[in-house]
Amino acid sequence: MIAITGYSGFVGKELLKKIDVEECLLLGRQPITGNYKHQHFDLSDAKQSLNLSEVKVLIHCAARVHIMDDNSANPIDEFRAVNTKGTLNLATQAAQAGVKRFIFISTIKVNGESTTGRTPFNEQENAPEDPYGVSKAEAEQKLLALGQKTGMEIVIIRPPLVYGEGVKANFASLMRLVNKGFPLPFRAINKNKRSLVSVYNLVDLIKVCVEHPNAANQVFLASDDHDLSTAEMVQLMAQVQGKSNLALPVPPVLFSIAGSMLGKKQVVDRLTGSLQVDITHTKNTLNWTPPYSVEDGFKFSAKN
């Protein structure tokens, strides 16, 4: 049996489409429609007890997610309470119950925030810069230590931005603006490169990690294996929606100046900077190739 947390989230919903309902146990606050086995689970509750005796693989997608402009009084403690301590509590119970493999959906933020001016991130790096990334990095370290102590196999997957049909936030907003035909000032942002991963490729990778013997006790980076500049991203969004690309050639330096003046440097860095991941280790270790092209992913996203 496969247990899944975070099944109501963006990745979890797609994952459920690929897992046999008879082989699935959902761990979360609320059951969902369908003939799924369910146990109440709250990642922030350290006192709860789960029955995982029939579970062979646990896929942990639930998390306190990264929030831009987080206004929490002490965000690092809140992230750690859920993403680090909650994850370790879950994994400890899994190990005690005899779960063979624990798959942890982490984040590329464990590596850092940018690859501008350097080589792409690899699976051996660990340099988080924000509370969310720190909490996930600490969870990874504790999981690997738990695996060494108990023999439970640990698999860690670090995705960058995940997109697809139903995606929210900045990706969806940009897709809508392109669809409405607004002239966007991004044509000159063509020297940066961003790695993305469609939810369809990510779920395929997770499924491979459920059974592949070489996945045990490994860290894998995920992507579509086709990096895009901001200008290329906007062009592809226009293409899949049958729209003209009306992007204007505003020099990137003007974005940097505006970002500094308006206190939006992080936003501008995401727009003009690079964040690339090297998935050579993932592909070679698992003999895996992303089954969906970046064009496929953008077409599915356009259905929003």
Protein backbone atom coordinates (compact mmCIF):
# COMPACT_ATOMS: atom_id res chain seq x y z
CA MET A 1 0.00 0.00 0.00
CA ILE A 2 1.10 3.56 -0.74
CA ALA A 3 0.32 6.34 1.75
CA ILE A 4 0.14 9.94 0.54
CA THR A 5 0.11 13.24 2.43
CA GLY A 6 -0.78 16.52 0.74
CA TYR A 7 -3.25 14.75 -1.56
CA SER A 8 -5.45 17.85 -1.87
CA GLY A 9 -2.55 19.99 -3.09
CA PHE A 10 -1.44 20.73 -6.63
CA VAL A 11 1.01 17.82 -6.87
CA GLY A 12 -1.06 15.48 -4.72
CA LYS A 13 -4.16 15.78 -6.89
CA GLU A 14 -2.24 14.80 -10.00
CA LEU A 15 -0.50 11.98 -8.14
CA LEU A 16 -3.84 10.48 -7.11
CA LYS A 17 -4.79 10.15 -10.78
CA LYS A 18 -1.86 7.78 -11.26
CA ILE A 19 -2.22 5.60 -8.15
CA ASP A 20 -4.67 2.68 -7.91
CA VAL A 21 -7.35 3.63 -5.38
CA GLU A 22 -7.20 0.14 -3.86
CA GLU A 23 -3.51 0.61 -3.10
CA CYS A 24 -3.77 4.08 -1.60
CA LEU A 25 -4.05 5.40 1.98
CA LEU A 26 -4.62 9.12 2.37
CA LEU A 27 -3.17 10.91 5.41
CA GLY A 28 -4.72 14.32 5.97
CA ARG A 29 -7.29 16.43 7.75
CA GLN A 30 -10.23 15.75 5.47
CA PRO A 31 -11.22 12.72 3.35
CA ILE A 32 -11.98 13.35 -0.31
CA THR A 33 -14.54 11.99 -2.74
CA GLY A 34 -13.77 8.44 -3.82
CA ASN A 35 -13.27 5.03 -2.31
CA TYR A 36 -10.01 5.93 -0.60
CA LYS A 37 -8.81 4.68 2.76
CA HIS A 38 -8.20 7.68 5.00
CA GLN A 39 -6.62 8.48 8.36
CA HIS A 40 -6.71 11.86 10.04
CA PHE A 41 -3.31 13.50 9.95
CA ASP A 42 -2.15 17.00 10.90
CA LEU A 43 1.49 17.73 10.12
CA SER A 44 1.66 20.27 12.94
CA ASP A 45 0.36 17.81 15.60
CA ALA A 46 3.33 15.99 17.14
CA LYS A 47 1.11 13.86 19.43
CA GLN A 48 -0.96 12.09 16.80
CA SER A 49 -0.58 8.38 16.19
CA LEU A 50 -1.01 6.69 12.82
CA ASN A 51 -1.57 3.09 11.80
CA LEU A 52 0.90 2.50 8.96
CA SER A 53 1.30 -1.25 9.38
CA GLU A 54 0.13 -2.04 5.83
CA VAL A 55 2.08 0.78 4.15
CA LYS A 56 5.13 -0.08 2.05
CA VAL A 57 5.84 3.37 0.57
CA LEU A 58 4.91 6.78 2.00
CA ILE A 59 4.92 9.80 -0.33
CA HIS A 60 5.10 12.99 1.73
CA CYS A 61 3.82 15.98 -0.29
CA ALA A 62 2.31 18.02 2.55
CA ALA A 63 4.15 21.12 3.79
CA ARG A 64 3.85 24.67 5.02
CA VAL A 65 4.60 26.28 1.69
CA HIS A 66 6.72 29.26 0.77
CA ILE A 67 4.83 32.58 0.90
CA MET A 68 6.07 35.81 -0.69
CA ASP A 69 6.19 38.64 1.88
CA ASP A 70 5.51 36.27 4.79
CA ASN A 71 4.26 38.39 7.71
CA SER A 72 4.55 35.74 10.42
CA ALA A 73 6.08 36.97 13.66
CA ASN A 74 8.69 34.20 13.59
CA PRO A 75 8.48 32.43 10.22
CA ILE A 76 11.46 30.11 10.70
CA ASP A 77 9.91 28.56 13.82
CA GLU A 78 6.57 28.11 12.06
CA PHE A 79 8.21 26.48 9.04
CA ARG A 80 10.29 24.21 11.25
CA ALA A 81 7.30 23.15 13.33
CA VAL A 82 5.58 21.77 10.24
CA ASN A 83 8.22 21.04 7.62
CA THR A 84 11.01 19.79 9.88
CA LYS A 85 9.53 18.50 13.13
CA GLY A 86 6.25 17.37 11.57
CA THR A 87 8.07 15.53 8.79
CA LEU A 88 10.44 13.82 11.21
CA ASN A 89 7.53 12.75 13.41
CA LEU A 90 5.76 11.24 10.42
CA ALA A 91 8.90 9.50 9.20
CA THR A 92 9.68 8.12 12.66
CA GLN A 93 6.25 6.56 12.87
CA ALA A 94 6.70 5.18 9.36
CA ALA A 95 10.02 3.58 10.28
CA GLN A 96 8.56 2.08 13.44
CA ALA A 97 5.69 0.60 11.42
CA GLY A 98 8.06 -1.04 8.96
CA VAL A 99 7.48 1.25 5.98
CA LYS A 100 10.14 0.34 3.41
CA ARG A 101 10.52 3.65 1.57
CA PHE A 102 9.80 7.30 2.46
CA ILE A 103 9.62 9.73 -0.49
CA PHE A 104 10.01 13.37 0.54
CA ILE A 105 8.96 16.13 -1.85
CA SER A 106 11.39 18.87 -0.93
CA THR A 107 12.25 22.04 -2.90
CA ILE A 108 15.03 23.47 -5.02
CA LYS A 109 15.18 26.24 -2.42
CA VAL A 110 17.36 23.84 -0.42
CA ASN A 111 20.04 24.59 -3.02
CA GLY A 112 19.52 28.35 -2.96
CA GLU A 113 17.72 31.12 -4.79
CA SER A 114 19.67 31.79 -7.97
CA THR A 115 22.20 30.41 -10.44
CA THR A 116 22.84 33.77 -12.12
CA GLY A 117 26.52 33.88 -13.05
CA ARG A 118 27.22 30.29 -12.06
CA THR A 119 26.64 26.68 -13.11
CA PRO A 120 23.26 24.97 -12.58
CA PHE A 121 22.43 23.52 -9.18
CA ASN A 122 23.24 19.86 -8.53
CA GLU A 123 21.92 17.36 -6.01
CA GLN A 124 24.94 17.65 -3.71
CA GLU A 125 24.50 21.33 -2.91
CA ASN A 126 22.77 22.65 0.20
CA ALA A 127 22.66 26.43 0.73
CA PRO A 128 19.11 27.58 1.56
CA GLU A 129 18.54 31.30 2.01
CA ASP A 130 14.98 31.66 3.33
CA PRO A 131 13.03 30.06 6.23
CA TYR A 132 11.10 27.71 3.94
CA GLY A 133 14.28 26.41 2.31
CA VAL A 134 16.03 26.08 5.67
CA SER A 135 13.14 24.06 7.13
CA LYS A 136 13.16 21.70 4.15
CA ALA A 137 16.96 21.34 4.23
CA GLU A 138 16.87 20.46 7.92
CA ALA A 139 14.12 17.93 7.24
CA GLU A 140 16.24 16.31 4.53
CA GLN A 141 19.21 15.96 6.88
CA LYS A 142 17.10 14.47 9.67
CA LEU A 143 15.40 12.05 7.27
CA LEU A 144 18.70 10.76 5.90
CA ALA A 145 19.99 10.28 9.46
CA LEU A 146 16.79 8.43 10.39
CA GLY A 147 17.19 6.22 7.34
CA GLN A 148 20.75 5.30 8.31
CA LYS A 149 19.60 4.48 11.83
CA THR A 150 16.48 2.46 10.98
CA GLY A 151 17.10 1.07 7.50
CA MET A 152 14.06 2.80 6.01
CA GLU A 153 14.92 3.95 2.47
CA ILE A 154 14.80 7.72 2.01
CA VAL A 155 14.17 9.33 -1.38
CA ILE A 156 14.33 13.13 -1.69
CA ILE A 157 13.02 15.04 -4.73
CA ARG A 158 13.73 18.76 -5.13
CA PRO A 159 11.54 20.41 -7.78
CA PRO A 160 11.82 24.01 -8.97
CA LEU A 161 8.62 25.85 -9.98
CA VAL A 162 5.88 23.27 -10.64
CA TYR A 163 3.22 24.17 -13.20
CA GLY A 164 0.35 22.59 -15.12
CA GLU A 165 -3.42 22.81 -15.45
CA GLY A 166 -4.82 24.50 -12.36
CA VAL A 167 -1.54 26.19 -11.41
CA LYS A 168 -1.90 29.40 -9.40
CA ALA A 169 0.25 32.41 -8.51
CA ASN A 170 2.67 34.16 -10.86
CA PHE A 171 2.70 31.55 -13.62
CA ALA A 172 -1.09 31.64 -13.97
CA SER A 173 -1.14 35.46 -13.83
CA LEU A 174 1.43 35.72 -16.60
CA MET A 175 -0.46 33.19 -18.71
CA ARG A 176 -3.66 35.25 -18.36
CA LEU A 177 -1.92 38.51 -19.28
CA VAL A 178 -0.49 36.92 -22.41
CA ASN A 179 -3.92 35.55 -23.29
CA LYS A 180 -5.50 39.01 -22.99
CA GLY A 181 -3.00 40.44 -25.45
CA PHE A 182 -1.34 42.94 -23.15
CA PRO A 183 2.05 44.20 -24.47
CA LEU A 184 4.40 42.88 -21.78
CA PRO A 185 7.89 44.40 -21.35
CA PHE A 186 9.83 41.12 -21.34
CA ARG A 187 11.24 40.63 -24.84
CA ALA A 188 14.74 41.76 -23.85
CA ILE A 189 14.95 39.41 -20.86
CA ASN A 190 16.45 36.74 -23.07
CA LYS A 191 19.81 35.96 -21.45
CA ASN A 192 18.55 34.31 -18.26
CA LYS A 193 17.50 30.67 -17.94
CA ARG A 194 14.88 29.11 -15.65
CA SER A 195 14.28 25.42 -14.99
CA LEU A 196 10.63 24.43 -14.58
CA VAL A 197 8.93 21.09 -14.08
CA SER A 198 5.40 20.29 -15.14
CA VAL A 199 3.33 18.47 -12.54
CA TYR A 200 3.01 15.64 -15.08
CA ASN A 201 6.77 15.09 -15.26
CA LEU A 202 7.12 15.45 -11.49
CA VAL A 203 4.43 12.85 -10.83
CA ASP A 204 6.03 10.50 -13.34
CA LEU A 205 9.34 10.86 -11.48
CA ILE A 206 7.64 10.19 -8.14
CA LYS A 207 6.08 7.01 -9.57
CA VAL A 208 9.49 5.82 -10.77
CA CYS A 209 10.91 6.47 -7.30
CA VAL A 210 8.24 4.31 -5.68
CA GLU A 211 9.77 1.12 -7.04
CA HIS A 212 13.16 1.78 -8.64
CA PRO A 213 15.89 0.07 -6.57
CA ASN A 214 18.45 2.76 -7.39
CA ALA A 215 16.27 5.49 -5.85
CA ALA A 216 16.99 4.39 -2.28
CA ASN A 217 18.78 7.00 -0.15
CA GLN A 218 19.25 9.42 -3.02
CA VAL A 219 18.56 13.11 -3.66
CA PHE A 220 17.08 13.92 -7.08
CA LEU A 221 16.54 17.25 -8.81
CA ALA A 222 13.58 17.50 -11.18
CA SER A 223 12.89 19.55 -14.29
CA ASP A 224 11.45 19.35 -17.81
CA ASP A 225 15.08 19.24 -19.02
CA HIS A 226 14.41 22.30 -21.19
CA ASP A 227 15.28 25.63 -19.61
CA LEU A 228 13.70 28.89 -20.80
CA SER A 229 14.51 32.57 -20.63
CA THR A 230 11.71 34.89 -19.51
CA ALA A 231 11.30 36.02 -23.13
CA GLU A 232 11.08 32.42 -24.34
CA MET A 233 8.55 31.62 -21.63
CA VAL A 234 6.26 34.47 -22.72
CA GLN A 235 6.68 33.47 -26.37
CA LEU A 236 5.68 29.89 -25.60
CA MET A 237 2.69 31.05 -23.54
CA ALA A 238 1.50 33.08 -26.52
CA GLN A 239 2.11 30.20 -28.92
CA VAL A 240 0.10 27.57 -27.00
CA GLN A 241 -2.80 30.02 -26.59
CA GLY A 242 -2.84 31.03 -30.24
CA LYS A 243 -1.94 34.64 -29.42
CA SER A 244 0.53 37.11 -30.87
CA ASN A 245 3.57 37.80 -28.72
CA LEU A 246 3.37 41.53 -28.03
CA ALA A 247 6.31 41.64 -25.61
CA LEU A 248 8.25 44.90 -25.65
CA PRO A 249 12.11 45.15 -25.51
CA VAL A 250 12.56 46.97 -22.19
CA PRO A 251 16.23 46.67 -21.03
CA PRO A 252 16.63 44.39 -17.96
CA VAL A 253 18.64 47.09 -16.15
CA LEU A 254 15.48 49.20 -15.92
CA PHE A 255 13.76 46.37 -14.06
CA SER A 256 16.64 46.26 -11.59
CA ILE A 257 16.44 50.00 -10.98
CA ALA A 258 12.67 49.86 -10.50
CA GLY A 259 12.99 46.86 -8.17
CA SER A 260 15.47 48.67 -5.95
CA MET A 261 13.35 51.83 -5.83
CA LEU A 262 10.12 49.97 -5.03
CA GLY A 263 11.58 47.44 -2.61
CA LYS A 264 10.78 44.56 -5.00
CA LYS A 265 14.28 43.28 -5.64
CA GLN A 266 13.30 39.64 -5.04
CA VAL A 267 10.48 39.86 -7.56
CA VAL A 268 12.78 41.40 -10.17
CA ASP A 269 15.49 38.80 -9.50
CA ARG A 270 12.99 36.05 -10.23
CA LEU A 271 12.03 37.77 -13.46
CA THR A 272 15.46 38.64 -14.80
CA GLY A 273 17.76 36.14 -13.08
CA SER A 274 18.51 32.47 -13.65
CA LEU A 275 17.66 29.35 -11.69
CA GLN A 276 18.81 26.20 -13.45
CA VAL A 277 19.03 22.63 -12.20
CA ASP A 278 21.16 19.80 -13.55
CA ILE A 279 19.13 16.58 -13.65
CA THR A 280 21.94 14.39 -15.03
CA HIS A 281 22.09 12.39 -11.79
CA THR A 282 18.31 11.86 -11.85
CA LYS A 283 18.28 10.69 -15.47
CA ASN A 284 21.31 8.40 -15.15
CA THR A 285 20.46 6.84 -11.79
CA LEU A 286 16.84 6.09 -12.65
CA ASN A 287 17.19 5.73 -16.44
CA TRP A 288 14.49 8.40 -16.55
CA THR A 289 13.62 10.98 -19.16
CA PRO A 290 10.80 13.52 -18.65
CA PRO A 291 7.92 12.04 -20.71
CA TYR A 292 6.26 15.41 -21.38
CA SER A 293 7.90 18.27 -23.27
CA VAL A 294 7.80 21.81 -21.92
CA GLU A 295 5.43 22.61 -24.82
CA ASP A 296 3.08 19.86 -23.57
CA GLY A 297 3.16 21.31 -20.07
CA PHE A 298 2.39 24.82 -21.29
CA LYS A 299 -0.52 23.53 -23.40
CA PHE A 300 -2.03 21.82 -20.38
CA SER A 301 -1.50 24.96 -18.29
CA ALA A 302 -3.38 27.03 -20.88
CA LYS A 303 -6.55 25.09 -20.00
CA ASN A 304 -6.86 27.05 -16.72
